[in-house]
Amino acid sequence: DKNILSVGKKGGRNMKVLDLSAIVDGRVLDICDTHFITGGIVTPRFVVAELHSLAESNDHIARAKGRRGLDILARLQESRDIPFRVLDRDIKESTDNQMKLVTIAKELGAAIITIDFNINKLAALENVTVLNVNDLTIALKPVVLPGEDMSVFVMKEGKEKDQGVAYLDDGTMIVIEDGR
């Protein structure tokens, strides 16, 4: 553990700790492919154990999420671009995996990659940087101003008289007046 921590302190600013929600979500793979994330990525073994437990669940949705998460980790491990490893570190004093994750990130001087609102709040209280995939998605939405000219495919009628409805490439719905 001391060896891991000393390595973490030196490279901690570039190290990222991946949480369960971001693994299951899967977009982290696409983000890694774009090279927006630099440095190494780790995920604690207890998160892998949670994924395995989900993958063995009787609930088909939980099972699918667990299997997807394990697949995402396997693909991260195969990636040549970003070093990834499972971290053998646990916090015995806590039974809350979210608090354990934040504590480990703080010890390593690392940021947390998540989509979980609660981890955002916990990390903020501990002064740990959070890279929220949902926040990134919102930040990357195209800026479109009312009245701006563009070509779209009007898919259906709107709710009001003579309105048409279309969608931008990112899925954002737009309403076109006199576009019926």
N, C-alpha and C. Protein backbone atom coordinates (compact mmCIF):
# COMPACT_ATOMS: atom_id res chain seq x y z
N ASP A 1 0.82 -1.21 0.00
CA ASP A 1 0.00 0.00 0.00
C ASP A 1 0.86 1.26 0.00
N LYS A 2 1.93 1.28 0.79
CA LYS A 2 2.77 2.47 0.84
C LYS A 2 3.38 2.75 -0.52
N ASN A 3 3.76 1.69 -1.22
CA ASN A 3 4.33 1.84 -2.55
C ASN A 3 3.32 2.49 -3.51
N ILE A 4 2.08 2.02 -3.46
CA ILE A 4 1.03 2.56 -4.31
C ILE A 4 0.81 4.03 -3.98
N LEU A 5 0.79 4.36 -2.69
CA LEU A 5 0.54 5.74 -2.29
C LEU A 5 1.66 6.67 -2.72
N SER A 6 2.92 6.20 -2.62
CA SER A 6 4.02 7.08 -3.01
C SER A 6 3.99 7.32 -4.52
N VAL A 7 3.65 6.30 -5.29
CA VAL A 7 3.51 6.47 -6.73
C VAL A 7 2.36 7.43 -7.00
N GLY A 8 1.26 7.27 -6.25
CA GLY A 8 0.09 8.11 -6.42
C GLY A 8 0.37 9.56 -6.10
N LYS A 9 1.12 9.83 -5.06
CA LYS A 9 1.41 11.21 -4.68
C LYS A 9 2.20 11.93 -5.78
N LYS A 10 3.14 11.22 -6.42
CA LYS A 10 3.94 11.83 -7.47
C LYS A 10 3.10 12.09 -8.72
N GLY A 11 2.30 11.10 -9.10
CA GLY A 11 1.51 11.23 -10.33
C GLY A 11 0.05 11.47 -10.06
N GLY A 12 -0.29 11.81 -8.83
CA GLY A 12 -1.67 11.91 -8.42
C GLY A 12 -2.49 12.92 -9.19
N ARG A 13 -1.89 14.04 -9.57
CA ARG A 13 -2.66 15.05 -10.30
C ARG A 13 -3.19 14.50 -11.61
N ASN A 14 -2.48 13.54 -12.16
CA ASN A 14 -2.93 12.96 -13.42
C ASN A 14 -3.68 11.65 -13.23
N MET A 15 -3.70 11.13 -12.01
CA MET A 15 -4.38 9.86 -11.77
C MET A 15 -5.87 10.09 -11.58
N LYS A 16 -6.67 9.14 -12.09
CA LYS A 16 -8.12 9.20 -11.95
C LYS A 16 -8.59 7.92 -11.28
N VAL A 17 -9.57 8.06 -10.38
CA VAL A 17 -10.21 6.91 -9.75
C VAL A 17 -11.59 6.77 -10.36
N LEU A 18 -11.84 5.61 -10.92
CA LEU A 18 -13.09 5.36 -11.65
C LEU A 18 -14.10 4.71 -10.70
N ASP A 19 -15.30 5.29 -10.60
CA ASP A 19 -16.31 4.73 -9.71
C ASP A 19 -17.28 3.83 -10.46
N LEU A 20 -18.09 3.13 -9.70
CA LEU A 20 -19.04 2.15 -10.24
C LEU A 20 -19.98 2.78 -11.27
N SER A 21 -20.54 3.95 -10.97
CA SER A 21 -21.53 4.56 -11.87
C SER A 21 -20.92 4.88 -13.24
N ALA A 22 -19.70 5.39 -13.26
CA ALA A 22 -19.06 5.74 -14.53
C ALA A 22 -18.66 4.50 -15.32
N ILE A 23 -18.32 3.43 -14.60
CA ILE A 23 -17.97 2.18 -15.28
C ILE A 23 -19.19 1.61 -15.98
N VAL A 24 -20.29 1.49 -15.24
CA VAL A 24 -21.52 0.92 -15.80
C VAL A 24 -22.06 1.80 -16.93
N ASP A 25 -21.95 3.11 -16.78
CA ASP A 25 -22.40 4.05 -17.81
C ASP A 25 -21.66 3.81 -19.14
N GLY A 26 -20.35 3.58 -19.06
CA GLY A 26 -19.58 3.19 -20.23
C GLY A 26 -19.02 4.30 -21.10
N ARG A 27 -19.52 5.52 -20.98
CA ARG A 27 -19.03 6.60 -21.84
C ARG A 27 -17.57 6.93 -21.58
N VAL A 28 -17.06 6.51 -20.43
CA VAL A 28 -15.66 6.78 -20.09
C VAL A 28 -14.73 6.18 -21.15
N LEU A 29 -15.11 5.07 -21.75
CA LEU A 29 -14.30 4.46 -22.82
C LEU A 29 -14.17 5.42 -24.01
N ASP A 30 -15.29 5.99 -24.42
CA ASP A 30 -15.28 6.93 -25.54
C ASP A 30 -14.45 8.16 -25.20
N ILE A 31 -14.57 8.62 -23.96
CA ILE A 31 -13.80 9.80 -23.54
C ILE A 31 -12.31 9.48 -23.56
N CYS A 32 -11.94 8.29 -23.10
CA CYS A 32 -10.53 7.88 -23.13
C CYS A 32 -10.01 7.81 -24.57
N ASP A 33 -10.86 7.32 -25.48
CA ASP A 33 -10.46 7.22 -26.89
C ASP A 33 -10.15 8.58 -27.50
N THR A 34 -10.76 9.64 -26.98
CA THR A 34 -10.53 10.97 -27.53
C THR A 34 -9.27 11.63 -26.95
N HIS A 35 -8.65 11.00 -25.96
CA HIS A 35 -7.44 11.51 -25.30
C HIS A 35 -7.70 12.74 -24.43
N PHE A 36 -8.96 12.96 -24.03
CA PHE A 36 -9.26 14.06 -23.12
C PHE A 36 -8.82 13.72 -21.70
N ILE A 37 -8.72 12.44 -21.39
CA ILE A 37 -8.25 12.02 -20.07
C ILE A 37 -6.80 11.61 -20.20
N THR A 38 -5.96 12.22 -19.35
CA THR A 38 -4.55 11.88 -19.35
C THR A 38 -4.19 11.24 -18.02
N GLY A 39 -3.05 10.58 -17.99
CA GLY A 39 -2.61 9.92 -16.77
C GLY A 39 -3.24 8.55 -16.65
N GLY A 40 -3.00 7.91 -15.51
CA GLY A 40 -3.50 6.57 -15.29
C GLY A 40 -4.88 6.57 -14.66
N ILE A 41 -5.58 5.46 -14.85
CA ILE A 41 -6.89 5.26 -14.23
C ILE A 41 -6.81 4.03 -13.34
N VAL A 42 -7.35 4.16 -12.14
CA VAL A 42 -7.44 3.01 -11.23
C VAL A 42 -8.88 2.86 -10.78
N THR A 43 -9.22 1.66 -10.40
CA THR A 43 -10.50 1.43 -9.72
C THR A 43 -10.22 0.45 -8.60
N PRO A 44 -10.74 0.71 -7.41
CA PRO A 44 -10.47 -0.18 -6.28
C PRO A 44 -11.10 -1.56 -6.48
N ARG A 45 -10.47 -2.56 -5.90
CA ARG A 45 -10.96 -3.93 -6.03
C ARG A 45 -12.39 -4.09 -5.49
N PHE A 46 -12.77 -3.30 -4.46
CA PHE A 46 -14.13 -3.43 -3.94
C PHE A 46 -15.17 -2.98 -4.96
N VAL A 47 -14.80 -2.10 -5.89
CA VAL A 47 -15.71 -1.70 -6.97
C VAL A 47 -15.86 -2.87 -7.96
N VAL A 48 -14.75 -3.54 -8.26
CA VAL A 48 -14.80 -4.71 -9.13
C VAL A 48 -15.67 -5.80 -8.49
N ALA A 49 -15.54 -5.96 -7.17
CA ALA A 49 -16.36 -6.94 -6.44
C ALA A 49 -17.85 -6.58 -6.53
N GLU A 50 -18.16 -5.29 -6.45
CA GLU A 50 -19.55 -4.83 -6.60
C GLU A 50 -20.07 -5.17 -8.00
N LEU A 51 -19.24 -4.95 -9.01
CA LEU A 51 -19.64 -5.28 -10.38
C LEU A 51 -19.88 -6.78 -10.53
N HIS A 52 -18.99 -7.57 -9.94
CA HIS A 52 -19.14 -9.02 -10.01
C HIS A 52 -20.43 -9.46 -9.33
N SER A 53 -20.72 -8.85 -8.19
CA SER A 53 -21.96 -9.15 -7.47
C SER A 53 -23.18 -8.80 -8.31
N LEU A 54 -23.14 -7.65 -8.97
CA LEU A 54 -24.24 -7.26 -9.87
C LEU A 54 -24.37 -8.27 -11.02
N ALA A 55 -23.25 -8.69 -11.57
CA ALA A 55 -23.25 -9.62 -12.71
C ALA A 55 -23.84 -10.98 -12.33
N GLU A 56 -23.82 -11.31 -11.05
CA GLU A 56 -24.36 -12.58 -10.57
C GLU A 56 -25.79 -12.45 -10.05
N SER A 57 -26.35 -11.24 -10.13
CA SER A 57 -27.67 -10.95 -9.56
C SER A 57 -28.78 -11.72 -10.27
N ASN A 58 -29.87 -11.97 -9.53
CA ASN A 58 -31.06 -12.59 -10.13
C ASN A 58 -31.87 -11.59 -10.93
N ASP A 59 -31.72 -10.30 -10.62
CA ASP A 59 -32.41 -9.23 -11.36
C ASP A 59 -31.71 -9.05 -12.70
N HIS A 60 -32.45 -9.22 -13.79
CA HIS A 60 -31.81 -9.19 -15.11
C HIS A 60 -31.20 -7.83 -15.45
N ILE A 61 -31.78 -6.74 -14.96
CA ILE A 61 -31.23 -5.41 -15.24
C ILE A 61 -29.91 -5.23 -14.49
N ALA A 62 -29.89 -5.59 -13.21
CA ALA A 62 -28.65 -5.49 -12.41
C ALA A 62 -27.57 -6.38 -13.02
N ARG A 63 -27.97 -7.59 -13.44
CA ARG A 63 -27.01 -8.53 -14.06
C ARG A 63 -26.41 -7.92 -15.33
N ALA A 64 -27.26 -7.30 -16.16
CA ALA A 64 -26.78 -6.67 -17.41
C ALA A 64 -25.82 -5.53 -17.09
N LYS A 65 -26.14 -4.72 -16.07
CA LYS A 65 -25.26 -3.62 -15.68
C LYS A 65 -23.91 -4.14 -15.20
N GLY A 66 -23.94 -5.17 -14.37
CA GLY A 66 -22.70 -5.75 -13.86
C GLY A 66 -21.83 -6.32 -14.97
N ARG A 67 -22.45 -7.03 -15.89
CA ARG A 67 -21.69 -7.61 -17.01
C ARG A 67 -21.13 -6.53 -17.92
N ARG A 68 -21.95 -5.49 -18.15
CA ARG A 68 -21.47 -4.36 -18.96
C ARG A 68 -20.27 -3.70 -18.28
N GLY A 69 -20.36 -3.49 -16.98
CA GLY A 69 -19.27 -2.87 -16.23
C GLY A 69 -17.99 -3.69 -16.30
N LEU A 70 -18.11 -5.00 -16.15
CA LEU A 70 -16.92 -5.86 -16.23
C LEU A 70 -16.33 -5.82 -17.64
N ASP A 71 -17.20 -5.75 -18.64
CA ASP A 71 -16.73 -5.64 -20.03
C ASP A 71 -16.00 -4.32 -20.25
N ILE A 72 -16.53 -3.24 -19.70
CA ILE A 72 -15.89 -1.92 -19.82
C ILE A 72 -14.49 -1.96 -19.21
N LEU A 73 -14.37 -2.56 -18.01
CA LEU A 73 -13.05 -2.66 -17.36
C LEU A 73 -12.09 -3.50 -18.19
N ALA A 74 -12.58 -4.59 -18.76
CA ALA A 74 -11.72 -5.44 -19.60
C ALA A 74 -11.22 -4.64 -20.81
N ARG A 75 -12.10 -3.85 -21.40
CA ARG A 75 -11.70 -3.04 -22.56
C ARG A 75 -10.73 -1.93 -22.16
N LEU A 76 -10.92 -1.35 -20.98
CA LEU A 76 -9.96 -0.36 -20.49
C LEU A 76 -8.59 -0.98 -20.29
N GLN A 77 -8.58 -2.20 -19.76
CA GLN A 77 -7.32 -2.88 -19.51
C GLN A 77 -6.58 -3.19 -20.82
N GLU A 78 -7.34 -3.44 -21.88
CA GLU A 78 -6.75 -3.74 -23.18
C GLU A 78 -6.25 -2.48 -23.89
N SER A 79 -6.74 -1.32 -23.46
CA SER A 79 -6.39 -0.05 -24.11
C SER A 79 -4.90 0.23 -24.01
N ARG A 80 -4.33 0.66 -25.09
CA ARG A 80 -2.91 1.02 -25.13
C ARG A 80 -2.70 2.49 -24.73
N ASP A 81 -3.78 3.28 -24.81
CA ASP A 81 -3.66 4.72 -24.62
C ASP A 81 -3.54 5.14 -23.16
N ILE A 82 -4.31 4.51 -22.29
CA ILE A 82 -4.35 4.93 -20.89
C ILE A 82 -4.02 3.76 -19.99
N PRO A 83 -3.02 3.92 -19.11
CA PRO A 83 -2.72 2.84 -18.17
C PRO A 83 -3.89 2.66 -17.19
N PHE A 84 -4.34 1.43 -17.05
CA PHE A 84 -5.44 1.12 -16.14
C PHE A 84 -5.03 -0.06 -15.27
N ARG A 85 -5.41 0.01 -13.99
CA ARG A 85 -5.21 -1.15 -13.12
C ARG A 85 -6.22 -1.14 -11.99
N VAL A 86 -6.42 -2.33 -11.44
CA VAL A 86 -7.28 -2.49 -10.27
C VAL A 86 -6.39 -2.27 -9.04
N LEU A 87 -6.88 -1.45 -8.15
CA LEU A 87 -6.11 -1.05 -6.97
C LEU A 87 -6.50 -1.91 -5.77
N ASP A 88 -5.52 -2.59 -5.18
CA ASP A 88 -5.77 -3.39 -3.98
C ASP A 88 -5.66 -2.51 -2.75
N ARG A 89 -6.66 -1.69 -2.55
CA ARG A 89 -6.67 -0.79 -1.39
C ARG A 89 -8.10 -0.74 -0.87
N ASP A 90 -8.23 -0.91 0.43
CA ASP A 90 -9.54 -0.86 1.05
C ASP A 90 -9.43 0.03 2.28
N ILE A 91 -10.53 0.58 2.71
CA ILE A 91 -10.58 1.40 3.92
C ILE A 91 -11.39 0.60 4.94
N LYS A 92 -10.70 -0.02 5.86
CA LYS A 92 -11.36 -0.92 6.81
C LYS A 92 -12.32 -0.18 7.75
N GLU A 93 -12.05 1.11 8.01
CA GLU A 93 -12.85 1.88 8.97
C GLU A 93 -14.24 2.20 8.43
N SER A 94 -14.46 2.02 7.14
CA SER A 94 -15.74 2.40 6.54
C SER A 94 -16.38 1.23 5.82
N THR A 95 -17.71 1.19 5.85
CA THR A 95 -18.44 0.17 5.10
C THR A 95 -19.11 0.78 3.87
N ASP A 96 -19.09 2.11 3.77
CA ASP A 96 -19.70 2.83 2.65
C ASP A 96 -18.70 2.92 1.50
N ASN A 97 -19.00 2.22 0.40
CA ASN A 97 -18.07 2.18 -0.73
C ASN A 97 -17.85 3.55 -1.37
N GLN A 98 -18.85 4.41 -1.34
CA GLN A 98 -18.67 5.75 -1.92
C GLN A 98 -17.68 6.56 -1.08
N MET A 99 -17.80 6.45 0.24
CA MET A 99 -16.86 7.18 1.11
C MET A 99 -15.45 6.60 0.98
N LYS A 100 -15.36 5.27 0.84
CA LYS A 100 -14.06 4.61 0.63
C LYS A 100 -13.39 5.16 -0.63
N LEU A 101 -14.18 5.28 -1.70
CA LEU A 101 -13.66 5.75 -2.98
C LEU A 101 -13.11 7.17 -2.86
N VAL A 102 -13.87 8.04 -2.18
CA VAL A 102 -13.44 9.42 -1.99
C VAL A 102 -12.16 9.47 -1.15
N THR A 103 -12.11 8.66 -0.11
CA THR A 103 -10.92 8.61 0.76
C THR A 103 -9.69 8.16 -0.01
N ILE A 104 -9.84 7.14 -0.84
CA ILE A 104 -8.71 6.65 -1.65
C ILE A 104 -8.25 7.73 -2.63
N ALA A 105 -9.20 8.38 -3.29
CA ALA A 105 -8.83 9.46 -4.23
C ALA A 105 -8.09 10.56 -3.49
N LYS A 106 -8.54 10.91 -2.30
CA LYS A 106 -7.88 11.96 -1.52
C LYS A 106 -6.47 11.54 -1.14
N GLU A 107 -6.30 10.28 -0.70
CA GLU A 107 -4.97 9.77 -0.34
C GLU A 107 -4.02 9.82 -1.53
N LEU A 108 -4.54 9.51 -2.71
CA LEU A 108 -3.71 9.46 -3.92
C LEU A 108 -3.51 10.84 -4.55
N GLY A 109 -4.29 11.81 -4.12
CA GLY A 109 -4.26 13.12 -4.77
C GLY A 109 -4.82 13.04 -6.17
N ALA A 110 -5.80 12.14 -6.35
CA ALA A 110 -6.37 11.86 -7.67
C ALA A 110 -7.76 12.47 -7.80
N ALA A 111 -8.23 12.56 -9.03
CA ALA A 111 -9.60 12.99 -9.31
C ALA A 111 -10.48 11.75 -9.43
N ILE A 112 -11.78 11.93 -9.26
CA ILE A 112 -12.74 10.83 -9.40
C ILE A 112 -13.54 11.04 -10.68
N ILE A 113 -13.67 9.97 -11.47
CA ILE A 113 -14.55 10.00 -12.65
C ILE A 113 -15.85 9.32 -12.23
N THR A 114 -16.97 10.04 -12.38
CA THR A 114 -18.26 9.53 -11.92
C THR A 114 -19.40 10.12 -12.73
N ILE A 115 -20.60 9.58 -12.51
CA ILE A 115 -21.83 10.26 -12.94
C ILE A 115 -22.77 10.35 -11.74
N ASP A 116 -22.27 9.99 -10.55
CA ASP A 116 -23.07 9.91 -9.34
C ASP A 116 -23.10 11.25 -8.60
N PHE A 117 -24.30 11.79 -8.41
CA PHE A 117 -24.48 13.08 -7.75
C PHE A 117 -23.95 13.05 -6.31
N ASN A 118 -24.19 11.95 -5.59
CA ASN A 118 -23.75 11.86 -4.19
C ASN A 118 -22.23 11.86 -4.07
N ILE A 119 -21.55 11.19 -4.98
CA ILE A 119 -20.09 11.20 -4.95
C ILE A 119 -19.58 12.61 -5.23
N ASN A 120 -20.25 13.34 -6.12
CA ASN A 120 -19.90 14.75 -6.35
C ASN A 120 -19.89 15.51 -5.03
N LYS A 121 -20.96 15.37 -4.25
CA LYS A 121 -21.09 16.09 -2.98
C LYS A 121 -20.06 15.63 -1.96
N LEU A 122 -19.88 14.31 -1.82
CA LEU A 122 -18.89 13.78 -0.88
C LEU A 122 -17.49 14.27 -1.22
N ALA A 123 -17.15 14.21 -2.49
CA ALA A 123 -15.82 14.62 -2.94
C ALA A 123 -15.61 16.12 -2.70
N ALA A 124 -16.63 16.92 -2.94
CA ALA A 124 -16.51 18.37 -2.72
C ALA A 124 -16.22 18.66 -1.24
N LEU A 125 -16.86 17.92 -0.34
CA LEU A 125 -16.62 18.11 1.10
C LEU A 125 -15.18 17.77 1.48
N GLU A 126 -14.57 16.84 0.73
CA GLU A 126 -13.20 16.39 1.01
C GLU A 126 -12.17 17.08 0.11
N ASN A 127 -12.60 18.07 -0.66
CA ASN A 127 -11.72 18.79 -1.59
C ASN A 127 -11.06 17.88 -2.62
N VAL A 128 -11.83 16.92 -3.11
CA VAL A 128 -11.35 16.00 -4.15
C VAL A 128 -11.98 16.44 -5.47
N THR A 129 -11.17 16.54 -6.51
CA THR A 129 -11.67 16.94 -7.83
C THR A 129 -12.54 15.83 -8.41
N VAL A 130 -13.66 16.24 -9.01
CA VAL A 130 -14.57 15.29 -9.64
C VAL A 130 -14.67 15.61 -11.13
N LEU A 131 -14.55 14.59 -11.94
CA LEU A 131 -14.78 14.70 -13.38
C LEU A 131 -16.09 13.98 -13.66
N ASN A 132 -17.18 14.76 -13.76
CA ASN A 132 -18.50 14.17 -13.93
C ASN A 132 -18.81 14.07 -15.42
N VAL A 133 -19.04 12.85 -15.88
CA VAL A 133 -19.29 12.60 -17.30
C VAL A 133 -20.55 13.33 -17.76
N ASN A 134 -21.57 13.42 -16.90
CA ASN A 134 -22.79 14.14 -17.27
C ASN A 134 -22.52 15.63 -17.47
N ASP A 135 -21.68 16.21 -16.59
CA ASP A 135 -21.32 17.62 -16.75
C ASP A 135 -20.59 17.86 -18.06
N LEU A 136 -19.71 16.91 -18.43
CA LEU A 136 -18.98 17.02 -19.69
C LEU A 136 -19.95 16.98 -20.87
N THR A 137 -20.92 16.09 -20.80
CA THR A 137 -21.92 15.97 -21.86
C THR A 137 -22.67 17.28 -22.05
N ILE A 138 -23.07 17.89 -20.94
CA ILE A 138 -23.79 19.16 -21.01
C ILE A 138 -22.89 20.26 -21.59
N ALA A 139 -21.63 20.27 -21.18
CA ALA A 139 -20.69 21.28 -21.66
C ALA A 139 -20.44 21.15 -23.16
N LEU A 140 -20.58 19.95 -23.69
CA LEU A 140 -20.29 19.72 -25.11
C LEU A 140 -21.50 19.86 -26.02
N LYS A 141 -22.67 20.17 -25.44
CA LYS A 141 -23.84 20.37 -26.29
C LYS A 141 -23.57 21.54 -27.24
N PRO A 142 -24.02 21.43 -28.46
CA PRO A 142 -23.78 22.53 -29.40
C PRO A 142 -24.52 23.79 -28.98
N VAL A 143 -23.89 24.93 -29.19
CA VAL A 143 -24.52 26.21 -28.87
C VAL A 143 -25.32 26.64 -30.09
N VAL A 144 -26.63 26.74 -29.91
CA VAL A 144 -27.51 27.16 -30.98
C VAL A 144 -28.32 28.34 -30.46
N LEU A 145 -28.34 29.41 -31.22
CA LEU A 145 -29.05 30.61 -30.80
C LEU A 145 -30.42 30.69 -31.47
N PRO A 146 -31.42 31.21 -30.75
CA PRO A 146 -32.74 31.38 -31.39
C PRO A 146 -32.61 32.24 -32.64
N GLY A 147 -33.26 31.79 -33.71
CA GLY A 147 -33.22 32.54 -34.96
C GLY A 147 -32.06 32.16 -35.86
N GLU A 148 -31.15 31.31 -35.37
CA GLU A 148 -30.00 30.89 -36.18
C GLU A 148 -30.47 30.00 -37.33
N ASP A 149 -29.90 30.20 -38.51
CA ASP A 149 -30.25 29.39 -39.68
C ASP A 149 -29.50 28.07 -39.65
N MET A 150 -30.23 26.98 -39.90
CA MET A 150 -29.61 25.65 -40.02
C MET A 150 -30.58 24.74 -40.74
N SER A 151 -30.06 23.65 -41.24
CA SER A 151 -30.91 22.66 -41.90
C SER A 151 -31.18 21.53 -40.93
N VAL A 152 -32.47 21.20 -40.77
CA VAL A 152 -32.87 20.08 -39.92
C VAL A 152 -33.98 19.32 -40.62
N PHE A 153 -34.20 18.11 -40.20
CA PHE A 153 -35.29 17.30 -40.72
C PHE A 153 -36.46 17.40 -39.75
N VAL A 154 -37.57 17.98 -40.22
CA VAL A 154 -38.76 18.12 -39.37
C VAL A 154 -39.43 16.75 -39.31
N MET A 155 -39.48 16.17 -38.11
CA MET A 155 -39.94 14.79 -37.94
C MET A 155 -41.43 14.67 -37.68
N LYS A 156 -42.00 15.67 -36.98
CA LYS A 156 -43.42 15.56 -36.64
C LYS A 156 -43.98 16.94 -36.34
N GLU A 157 -45.31 16.97 -36.19
CA GLU A 157 -45.98 18.21 -35.85
C GLU A 157 -45.74 18.54 -34.39
N GLY A 158 -45.71 19.84 -34.08
CA GLY A 158 -45.58 20.27 -32.69
C GLY A 158 -46.94 20.31 -32.01
N LYS A 159 -46.95 20.74 -30.74
CA LYS A 159 -48.20 20.79 -29.98
C LYS A 159 -49.07 21.97 -30.38
N GLU A 160 -48.44 23.07 -30.71
CA GLU A 160 -49.19 24.26 -31.09
C GLU A 160 -49.41 24.28 -32.61
N LYS A 161 -50.35 25.11 -33.02
CA LYS A 161 -50.72 25.22 -34.44
C LYS A 161 -49.49 25.61 -35.28
N ASP A 162 -49.28 24.88 -36.36
CA ASP A 162 -48.23 25.14 -37.35
C ASP A 162 -46.79 24.93 -36.86
N GLN A 163 -46.60 24.28 -35.70
CA GLN A 163 -45.24 24.00 -35.23
C GLN A 163 -44.75 22.66 -35.81
N GLY A 164 -43.43 22.61 -36.02
CA GLY A 164 -42.78 21.36 -36.39
C GLY A 164 -41.73 21.01 -35.35
N VAL A 165 -41.40 19.73 -35.23
CA VAL A 165 -40.41 19.29 -34.26
C VAL A 165 -39.27 18.59 -34.99
N ALA A 166 -38.05 18.96 -34.63
CA ALA A 166 -36.85 18.33 -35.21
C ALA A 166 -35.86 18.09 -34.07
N TYR A 167 -34.79 17.38 -34.37
CA TYR A 167 -33.77 17.06 -33.36
C TYR A 167 -32.38 17.39 -33.89
N LEU A 168 -31.54 17.94 -33.01
CA LEU A 168 -30.15 18.17 -33.35
C LEU A 168 -29.40 16.84 -33.25
N ASP A 169 -28.15 16.80 -33.73
CA ASP A 169 -27.36 15.57 -33.71
C ASP A 169 -27.19 14.98 -32.32
N ASP A 170 -27.17 15.85 -31.29
CA ASP A 170 -26.98 15.35 -29.92
C ASP A 170 -28.29 14.91 -29.27
N GLY A 171 -29.41 14.99 -30.02
CA GLY A 171 -30.69 14.55 -29.47
C GLY A 171 -31.54 15.68 -28.92
N THR A 172 -31.04 16.89 -28.92
CA THR A 172 -31.79 18.02 -28.41
C THR A 172 -32.99 18.31 -29.33
N MET A 173 -34.18 18.37 -28.73
CA MET A 173 -35.37 18.65 -29.50
C MET A 173 -35.49 20.15 -29.77
N ILE A 174 -35.84 20.50 -31.00
CA ILE A 174 -36.10 21.90 -31.29
C ILE A 174 -37.50 22.02 -31.90
N VAL A 175 -38.15 23.14 -31.60
CA VAL A 175 -39.49 23.42 -32.10
C VAL A 175 -39.37 24.54 -33.14
N ILE A 176 -39.95 24.30 -34.29
CA ILE A 176 -39.86 25.27 -35.38
C ILE A 176 -41.23 25.90 -35.58
N GLU A 177 -41.30 27.23 -35.35
CA GLU A 177 -42.55 27.94 -35.60
C GLU A 177 -42.80 27.97 -37.10
N ASP A 178 -44.02 27.82 -37.50
CA ASP A 178 -44.41 27.76 -38.91
C ASP A 178 -43.65 26.64 -39.64
N GLY A 179 -43.32 25.58 -38.93
CA GLY A 179 -42.56 24.47 -39.52
C GLY A 179 -43.37 23.21 -39.73
N ARG A 180 -44.69 23.33 -39.62
CA ARG A 180 -45.54 22.16 -39.77
C ARG A 180 -45.44 21.64 -41.19
